[in-house]
Amino acid sequence: MKIFLYIIAMFTTAGCVKSLLKLYKAYISTKWPEYSATIVESAYEEVEDFEGGVVYRVIITYRYMVGGEQYENSNYDFCNQSVHQYEREQLLARYPVGKIIAVRVNPKNPASAVIVAGVTYWHYIWSISYFVFLYLLLKALLNW
């Protein structure tokens, strides 16, 4: 049982690191330059939530040019959480195919872009959740 907790702690640590990297990337994305992009796909896919219900992952794909080279991306924000039906409808209406939008593009890696730059409350929720879970795991292991 203790080995199982160590394995879970290892995966949770990896989740903490990944969460912090997303938080950092979201933060610095606000400083990236803006470019014009054209929406080429505005769709969604159904995803099962934790309770067995249905939520949606919105797929907004856009093309943009940087330095004479064309790129395509579908990164909406750096959290990529699921949305409910009413949010899905709002996002699809806001980003129809053919619409020209502004995106933030990573100047060091133009293939990396985002529509909504910056940190959202979801970044904090996921980061805090990972660290609390890791803390509880480590406390359990130390008290074993």
N, C-alpha and C. Protein backbone atom coordinates (compact mmCIF):
# COMPACT_ATOMS: atom_id res chain seq x y z
N MET A 1 0.82 -1.20 0.00
CA MET A 1 0.00 0.00 0.00
C MET A 1 0.86 1.26 0.00
N LYS A 2 1.99 1.23 0.72
CA LYS A 2 2.84 2.40 0.80
C LYS A 2 3.47 2.70 -0.57
N ILE A 3 3.83 1.66 -1.32
CA ILE A 3 4.39 1.85 -2.66
C ILE A 3 3.35 2.51 -3.57
N PHE A 4 2.11 2.10 -3.43
CA PHE A 4 1.02 2.69 -4.21
C PHE A 4 0.91 4.19 -3.92
N LEU A 5 1.02 4.57 -2.65
CA LEU A 5 0.96 5.99 -2.29
C LEU A 5 2.15 6.76 -2.86
N TYR A 6 3.33 6.14 -2.88
CA TYR A 6 4.50 6.78 -3.47
C TYR A 6 4.29 7.02 -4.97
N ILE A 7 3.71 6.05 -5.64
CA ILE A 7 3.45 6.19 -7.08
C ILE A 7 2.44 7.32 -7.33
N ILE A 8 1.38 7.36 -6.52
CA ILE A 8 0.40 8.43 -6.65
C ILE A 8 1.05 9.78 -6.36
N ALA A 9 1.91 9.84 -5.35
CA ALA A 9 2.62 11.08 -5.02
C ALA A 9 3.50 11.53 -6.17
N MET A 10 4.13 10.57 -6.86
CA MET A 10 4.97 10.90 -8.00
C MET A 10 4.14 11.53 -9.13
N PHE A 11 2.99 10.92 -9.43
CA PHE A 11 2.12 11.47 -10.48
C PHE A 11 1.54 12.83 -10.07
N THR A 12 1.23 12.97 -8.80
CA THR A 12 0.71 14.24 -8.31
C THR A 12 1.77 15.33 -8.40
N THR A 13 3.02 14.98 -8.11
CA THR A 13 4.13 15.94 -8.24
C THR A 13 4.25 16.39 -9.70
N ALA A 14 4.14 15.44 -10.62
CA ALA A 14 4.18 15.78 -12.04
C ALA A 14 3.02 16.71 -12.39
N GLY A 15 1.84 16.46 -11.83
CA GLY A 15 0.69 17.34 -12.05
C GLY A 15 0.93 18.73 -11.51
N CYS A 16 1.60 18.82 -10.35
CA CYS A 16 1.93 20.13 -9.76
C CYS A 16 2.86 20.91 -10.69
N VAL A 17 3.87 20.23 -11.21
CA VAL A 17 4.83 20.88 -12.11
C VAL A 17 4.12 21.35 -13.38
N LYS A 18 3.30 20.46 -13.96
CA LYS A 18 2.57 20.81 -15.18
C LYS A 18 1.63 21.99 -14.94
N SER A 19 0.98 22.00 -13.79
CA SER A 19 0.07 23.08 -13.45
C SER A 19 0.81 24.41 -13.30
N LEU A 20 1.98 24.37 -12.67
CA LEU A 20 2.77 25.59 -12.52
C LEU A 20 3.28 26.10 -13.86
N LEU A 21 3.65 25.19 -14.76
CA LEU A 21 4.10 25.59 -16.09
C LEU A 21 2.97 26.25 -16.87
N LYS A 22 1.75 25.69 -16.78
CA LYS A 22 0.60 26.31 -17.44
C LYS A 22 0.31 27.69 -16.85
N LEU A 23 0.41 27.79 -15.55
CA LEU A 23 0.19 29.07 -14.88
C LEU A 23 1.20 30.11 -15.37
N TYR A 24 2.45 29.72 -15.46
CA TYR A 24 3.51 30.63 -15.93
C TYR A 24 3.28 31.02 -17.39
N LYS A 25 2.97 30.03 -18.23
CA LYS A 25 2.76 30.30 -19.65
C LYS A 25 1.55 31.23 -19.85
N ALA A 26 0.50 31.01 -19.07
CA ALA A 26 -0.67 31.89 -19.15
C ALA A 26 -0.30 33.30 -18.74
N TYR A 27 0.50 33.42 -17.70
CA TYR A 27 0.91 34.74 -17.22
C TYR A 27 1.74 35.49 -18.27
N ILE A 28 2.75 34.82 -18.84
CA ILE A 28 3.62 35.53 -19.79
C ILE A 28 2.94 35.76 -21.14
N SER A 29 1.87 35.01 -21.43
CA SER A 29 1.19 35.19 -22.72
C SER A 29 0.59 36.59 -22.87
N THR A 30 0.34 37.28 -21.77
CA THR A 30 -0.21 38.63 -21.86
C THR A 30 0.81 39.61 -22.43
N LYS A 31 2.08 39.24 -22.40
CA LYS A 31 3.14 40.09 -22.93
C LYS A 31 3.50 39.76 -24.38
N TRP A 32 2.92 38.68 -24.92
CA TRP A 32 3.19 38.30 -26.30
C TRP A 32 2.54 39.29 -27.25
N PRO A 33 3.14 39.50 -28.43
CA PRO A 33 2.53 40.42 -29.41
C PRO A 33 1.24 39.84 -30.00
N GLU A 34 0.37 40.76 -30.42
CA GLU A 34 -0.89 40.35 -31.04
C GLU A 34 -0.73 40.26 -32.55
N TYR A 35 -1.42 39.28 -33.13
CA TYR A 35 -1.48 39.09 -34.57
C TYR A 35 -2.93 38.82 -34.96
N SER A 36 -3.24 39.11 -36.21
CA SER A 36 -4.56 38.78 -36.73
C SER A 36 -4.61 37.32 -37.11
N ALA A 37 -5.74 36.70 -36.84
CA ALA A 37 -5.94 35.29 -37.18
C ALA A 37 -7.34 35.13 -37.75
N THR A 38 -7.53 34.11 -38.56
CA THR A 38 -8.83 33.81 -39.14
C THR A 38 -9.31 32.47 -38.60
N ILE A 39 -10.54 32.43 -38.13
CA ILE A 39 -11.12 31.18 -37.62
C ILE A 39 -11.38 30.26 -38.80
N VAL A 40 -10.86 29.04 -38.75
CA VAL A 40 -11.06 28.07 -39.83
C VAL A 40 -11.93 26.89 -39.38
N GLU A 41 -12.12 26.75 -38.07
CA GLU A 41 -13.00 25.71 -37.54
C GLU A 41 -13.58 26.20 -36.22
N SER A 42 -14.87 25.97 -36.06
CA SER A 42 -15.55 26.32 -34.82
C SER A 42 -16.49 25.17 -34.50
N ALA A 43 -16.05 24.27 -33.63
CA ALA A 43 -16.79 23.04 -33.37
C ALA A 43 -16.66 22.66 -31.90
N TYR A 44 -17.19 21.52 -31.56
CA TYR A 44 -17.08 21.02 -30.19
C TYR A 44 -17.10 19.50 -30.19
N GLU A 45 -16.67 18.93 -29.08
CA GLU A 45 -16.80 17.49 -28.88
C GLU A 45 -17.34 17.25 -27.48
N GLU A 46 -18.12 16.20 -27.34
CA GLU A 46 -18.67 15.87 -26.03
C GLU A 46 -17.62 15.14 -25.20
N VAL A 47 -17.59 15.49 -23.92
CA VAL A 47 -16.65 14.88 -22.98
C VAL A 47 -17.45 14.48 -21.75
N GLU A 48 -17.16 13.32 -21.21
CA GLU A 48 -17.85 12.89 -19.99
C GLU A 48 -17.22 13.56 -18.79
N ASP A 49 -18.06 14.12 -17.92
CA ASP A 49 -17.51 14.77 -16.72
C ASP A 49 -17.36 13.74 -15.59
N PHE A 50 -16.91 14.21 -14.43
CA PHE A 50 -16.62 13.32 -13.30
C PHE A 50 -17.86 12.60 -12.79
N GLU A 51 -19.01 13.17 -12.99
CA GLU A 51 -20.25 12.59 -12.48
C GLU A 51 -20.98 11.75 -13.52
N GLY A 52 -20.37 11.53 -14.68
CA GLY A 52 -21.00 10.75 -15.73
C GLY A 52 -21.88 11.57 -16.66
N GLY A 53 -21.94 12.87 -16.45
CA GLY A 53 -22.72 13.74 -17.32
C GLY A 53 -21.90 14.15 -18.54
N VAL A 54 -22.48 15.01 -19.34
CA VAL A 54 -21.81 15.45 -20.56
C VAL A 54 -21.45 16.93 -20.44
N VAL A 55 -20.21 17.24 -20.78
CA VAL A 55 -19.75 18.60 -20.94
C VAL A 55 -19.10 18.67 -22.32
N TYR A 56 -18.62 19.83 -22.70
CA TYR A 56 -18.12 20.01 -24.06
C TYR A 56 -16.74 20.63 -24.06
N ARG A 57 -15.94 20.20 -25.01
CA ARG A 57 -14.65 20.83 -25.27
C ARG A 57 -14.81 21.57 -26.59
N VAL A 58 -14.69 22.87 -26.52
CA VAL A 58 -14.86 23.69 -27.71
C VAL A 58 -13.54 23.69 -28.50
N ILE A 59 -13.65 23.51 -29.81
CA ILE A 59 -12.48 23.48 -30.69
C ILE A 59 -12.58 24.68 -31.62
N ILE A 60 -11.73 25.66 -31.39
CA ILE A 60 -11.69 26.85 -32.23
C ILE A 60 -10.31 26.88 -32.87
N THR A 61 -10.26 26.55 -34.14
CA THR A 61 -8.98 26.49 -34.86
C THR A 61 -8.84 27.76 -35.70
N TYR A 62 -7.63 28.32 -35.65
CA TYR A 62 -7.38 29.58 -36.36
C TYR A 62 -6.03 29.53 -37.05
N ARG A 63 -5.92 30.34 -38.11
CA ARG A 63 -4.67 30.48 -38.87
C ARG A 63 -4.17 31.90 -38.77
N TYR A 64 -2.85 32.03 -38.72
CA TYR A 64 -2.24 33.35 -38.61
C TYR A 64 -0.86 33.30 -39.27
N MET A 65 -0.37 34.47 -39.62
CA MET A 65 0.94 34.59 -40.28
C MET A 65 1.91 35.32 -39.35
N VAL A 66 3.13 34.77 -39.26
CA VAL A 66 4.21 35.42 -38.52
C VAL A 66 5.46 35.31 -39.37
N GLY A 67 6.05 36.44 -39.69
CA GLY A 67 7.28 36.44 -40.49
C GLY A 67 7.13 35.76 -41.84
N GLY A 68 5.97 35.90 -42.47
CA GLY A 68 5.74 35.31 -43.78
C GLY A 68 5.42 33.82 -43.74
N GLU A 69 5.35 33.22 -42.56
CA GLU A 69 5.03 31.80 -42.44
C GLU A 69 3.66 31.65 -41.80
N GLN A 70 2.86 30.69 -42.34
CA GLN A 70 1.51 30.46 -41.82
C GLN A 70 1.52 29.40 -40.73
N TYR A 71 0.74 29.66 -39.69
CA TYR A 71 0.60 28.72 -38.57
C TYR A 71 -0.87 28.45 -38.33
N GLU A 72 -1.15 27.30 -37.74
CA GLU A 72 -2.52 26.95 -37.37
C GLU A 72 -2.50 26.44 -35.93
N ASN A 73 -3.47 26.88 -35.16
CA ASN A 73 -3.51 26.53 -33.75
C ASN A 73 -4.96 26.42 -33.30
N SER A 74 -5.19 25.72 -32.20
CA SER A 74 -6.54 25.65 -31.64
C SER A 74 -6.51 25.87 -30.13
N ASN A 75 -5.51 26.60 -29.68
CA ASN A 75 -5.38 26.89 -28.26
C ASN A 75 -6.26 28.08 -27.91
N TYR A 76 -7.32 27.84 -27.14
CA TYR A 76 -8.22 28.93 -26.74
C TYR A 76 -7.62 29.69 -25.55
N ASP A 77 -7.28 28.96 -24.50
CA ASP A 77 -6.58 29.52 -23.35
C ASP A 77 -5.62 28.45 -22.84
N PHE A 78 -4.92 28.72 -21.77
CA PHE A 78 -3.96 27.74 -21.29
C PHE A 78 -4.53 26.85 -20.19
N CYS A 79 -5.84 26.84 -20.07
CA CYS A 79 -6.48 25.96 -19.09
C CYS A 79 -7.21 24.82 -19.80
N ASN A 80 -7.85 25.14 -20.91
CA ASN A 80 -8.55 24.16 -21.74
C ASN A 80 -9.53 23.30 -20.95
N GLN A 81 -10.31 23.94 -20.11
CA GLN A 81 -11.30 23.21 -19.35
C GLN A 81 -12.53 22.97 -20.21
N SER A 82 -13.37 22.09 -19.76
CA SER A 82 -14.63 21.79 -20.43
C SER A 82 -15.65 22.87 -20.09
N VAL A 83 -16.65 23.00 -20.93
CA VAL A 83 -17.71 23.98 -20.71
C VAL A 83 -19.06 23.29 -20.79
N HIS A 84 -20.07 23.95 -20.25
CA HIS A 84 -21.43 23.44 -20.33
C HIS A 84 -22.08 23.94 -21.61
N GLN A 85 -23.28 23.42 -21.89
CA GLN A 85 -23.93 23.71 -23.16
C GLN A 85 -24.11 25.21 -23.42
N TYR A 86 -24.55 25.98 -22.43
CA TYR A 86 -24.78 27.42 -22.67
C TYR A 86 -23.48 28.14 -22.97
N GLU A 87 -22.37 27.74 -22.31
CA GLU A 87 -21.07 28.36 -22.60
C GLU A 87 -20.59 27.95 -23.99
N ARG A 88 -20.85 26.71 -24.34
CA ARG A 88 -20.48 26.22 -25.66
C ARG A 88 -21.13 27.05 -26.75
N GLU A 89 -22.42 27.29 -26.60
CA GLU A 89 -23.16 28.06 -27.60
C GLU A 89 -22.63 29.49 -27.70
N GLN A 90 -22.31 30.09 -26.56
CA GLN A 90 -21.77 31.45 -26.56
C GLN A 90 -20.42 31.52 -27.27
N LEU A 91 -19.54 30.55 -26.99
CA LEU A 91 -18.21 30.54 -27.62
C LEU A 91 -18.30 30.30 -29.12
N LEU A 92 -19.15 29.37 -29.53
CA LEU A 92 -19.29 29.09 -30.97
C LEU A 92 -19.88 30.29 -31.70
N ALA A 93 -20.80 31.03 -31.06
CA ALA A 93 -21.37 32.22 -31.68
C ALA A 93 -20.34 33.35 -31.74
N ARG A 94 -19.48 33.44 -30.74
CA ARG A 94 -18.46 34.50 -30.69
C ARG A 94 -17.33 34.26 -31.70
N TYR A 95 -17.09 32.99 -32.04
CA TYR A 95 -15.97 32.64 -32.93
C TYR A 95 -16.43 31.81 -34.13
N PRO A 96 -17.23 32.41 -35.02
CA PRO A 96 -17.68 31.66 -36.20
C PRO A 96 -16.55 31.53 -37.23
N VAL A 97 -16.66 30.53 -38.08
CA VAL A 97 -15.68 30.33 -39.16
C VAL A 97 -15.64 31.58 -40.03
N GLY A 98 -14.43 32.02 -40.36
CA GLY A 98 -14.23 33.19 -41.21
C GLY A 98 -13.98 34.48 -40.44
N LYS A 99 -14.31 34.50 -39.16
CA LYS A 99 -14.12 35.71 -38.37
C LYS A 99 -12.63 35.97 -38.15
N ILE A 100 -12.27 37.25 -38.21
CA ILE A 100 -10.88 37.66 -37.96
C ILE A 100 -10.80 38.09 -36.49
N ILE A 101 -9.83 37.52 -35.78
CA ILE A 101 -9.66 37.80 -34.36
C ILE A 101 -8.20 38.16 -34.08
N ALA A 102 -7.96 38.66 -32.89
CA ALA A 102 -6.59 38.91 -32.45
C ALA A 102 -6.16 37.74 -31.57
N VAL A 103 -4.95 37.25 -31.79
CA VAL A 103 -4.38 36.20 -30.96
C VAL A 103 -3.03 36.66 -30.45
N ARG A 104 -2.62 36.13 -29.33
CA ARG A 104 -1.28 36.40 -28.79
C ARG A 104 -0.37 35.27 -29.24
N VAL A 105 0.80 35.64 -29.77
CA VAL A 105 1.73 34.66 -30.33
C VAL A 105 3.06 34.72 -29.58
N ASN A 106 3.55 33.56 -29.21
CA ASN A 106 4.83 33.45 -28.52
C ASN A 106 5.94 33.89 -29.48
N PRO A 107 6.66 34.97 -29.18
CA PRO A 107 7.70 35.45 -30.11
C PRO A 107 8.88 34.48 -30.24
N LYS A 108 9.09 33.62 -29.25
CA LYS A 108 10.18 32.65 -29.31
C LYS A 108 9.77 31.37 -30.02
N ASN A 109 8.45 31.13 -30.10
CA ASN A 109 7.92 29.94 -30.76
C ASN A 109 6.58 30.30 -31.39
N PRO A 110 6.59 30.83 -32.61
CA PRO A 110 5.35 31.31 -33.24
C PRO A 110 4.28 30.23 -33.43
N ALA A 111 4.64 28.98 -33.32
CA ALA A 111 3.63 27.92 -33.42
C ALA A 111 2.74 27.90 -32.18
N SER A 112 3.16 28.57 -31.12
CA SER A 112 2.39 28.64 -29.88
C SER A 112 1.64 29.96 -29.84
N ALA A 113 0.32 29.86 -29.79
CA ALA A 113 -0.53 31.06 -29.76
C ALA A 113 -1.74 30.77 -28.88
N VAL A 114 -2.45 31.83 -28.53
CA VAL A 114 -3.62 31.69 -27.67
C VAL A 114 -4.60 32.82 -27.97
N ILE A 115 -5.88 32.49 -27.88
CA ILE A 115 -6.91 33.51 -28.09
C ILE A 115 -7.07 34.34 -26.82
N VAL A 116 -7.26 33.68 -25.69
CA VAL A 116 -7.46 34.37 -24.41
C VAL A 116 -6.17 34.24 -23.60
N ALA A 117 -5.41 35.31 -23.55
CA ALA A 117 -4.16 35.32 -22.81
C ALA A 117 -4.43 35.59 -21.34
N GLY A 118 -3.50 35.17 -20.50
CA GLY A 118 -3.59 35.48 -19.08
C GLY A 118 -4.08 34.32 -18.24
N VAL A 119 -4.04 34.57 -16.96
CA VAL A 119 -4.39 33.56 -15.96
C VAL A 119 -5.89 33.65 -15.65
N THR A 120 -6.53 32.50 -15.55
CA THR A 120 -7.93 32.44 -15.14
C THR A 120 -8.01 31.82 -13.75
N TYR A 121 -9.16 31.90 -13.15
CA TYR A 121 -9.31 31.30 -11.82
C TYR A 121 -9.12 29.79 -11.86
N TRP A 122 -9.35 29.17 -13.03
CA TRP A 122 -9.14 27.72 -13.14
C TRP A 122 -7.68 27.35 -12.94
N HIS A 123 -6.77 28.19 -13.37
CA HIS A 123 -5.35 27.91 -13.15
C HIS A 123 -5.07 27.79 -11.65
N TYR A 124 -5.63 28.71 -10.88
CA TYR A 124 -5.41 28.68 -9.44
C TYR A 124 -6.10 27.48 -8.80
N ILE A 125 -7.30 27.19 -9.24
CA ILE A 125 -8.04 26.05 -8.67
C ILE A 125 -7.28 24.75 -8.89
N TRP A 126 -6.81 24.52 -10.12
CA TRP A 126 -6.08 23.29 -10.40
C TRP A 126 -4.75 23.25 -9.66
N SER A 127 -4.03 24.35 -9.62
CA SER A 127 -2.74 24.38 -8.92
C SER A 127 -2.92 24.11 -7.43
N ILE A 128 -3.87 24.79 -6.82
CA ILE A 128 -4.12 24.59 -5.40
C ILE A 128 -4.56 23.16 -5.12
N SER A 129 -5.43 22.63 -5.97
CA SER A 129 -5.90 21.25 -5.79
C SER A 129 -4.75 20.25 -5.82
N TYR A 130 -3.88 20.39 -6.81
CA TYR A 130 -2.73 19.48 -6.90
C TYR A 130 -1.85 19.58 -5.65
N PHE A 131 -1.56 20.80 -5.21
CA PHE A 131 -0.67 20.96 -4.07
C PHE A 131 -1.31 20.47 -2.76
N VAL A 132 -2.60 20.69 -2.59
CA VAL A 132 -3.28 20.18 -1.39
C VAL A 132 -3.26 18.66 -1.40
N PHE A 133 -3.57 18.06 -2.54
CA PHE A 133 -3.56 16.60 -2.63
C PHE A 133 -2.16 16.05 -2.37
N LEU A 134 -1.13 16.70 -2.93
CA LEU A 134 0.24 16.26 -2.70
C LEU A 134 0.60 16.40 -1.23
N TYR A 135 0.21 17.50 -0.61
CA TYR A 135 0.48 17.70 0.82
C TYR A 135 -0.15 16.57 1.64
N LEU A 136 -1.41 16.24 1.36
CA LEU A 136 -2.10 15.19 2.10
C LEU A 136 -1.44 13.83 1.88
N LEU A 137 -1.02 13.56 0.65
CA LEU A 137 -0.31 12.30 0.36
C LEU A 137 1.00 12.21 1.13
N LEU A 138 1.77 13.28 1.08
CA LEU A 138 3.06 13.27 1.77
C LEU A 138 2.89 13.17 3.29
N LYS A 139 1.88 13.83 3.81
CA LYS A 139 1.60 13.75 5.24
C LYS A 139 1.23 12.32 5.62
N ALA A 140 0.42 11.66 4.80
CA ALA A 140 0.04 10.27 5.05
C ALA A 140 1.27 9.36 4.99
N LEU A 141 2.14 9.60 4.02
CA LEU A 141 3.35 8.76 3.90
C LEU A 141 4.30 8.97 5.07
N LEU A 142 4.45 10.19 5.54
CA LEU A 142 5.35 10.47 6.65
C LEU A 142 4.81 9.94 7.99
N ASN A 143 3.51 9.85 8.07
CA ASN A 143 2.89 9.33 9.30
C ASN A 143 2.67 7.82 9.24
N TRP A 144 3.08 7.18 8.20
CA TRP A 144 2.85 5.74 8.01
C TRP A 144 3.63 4.96 8.99
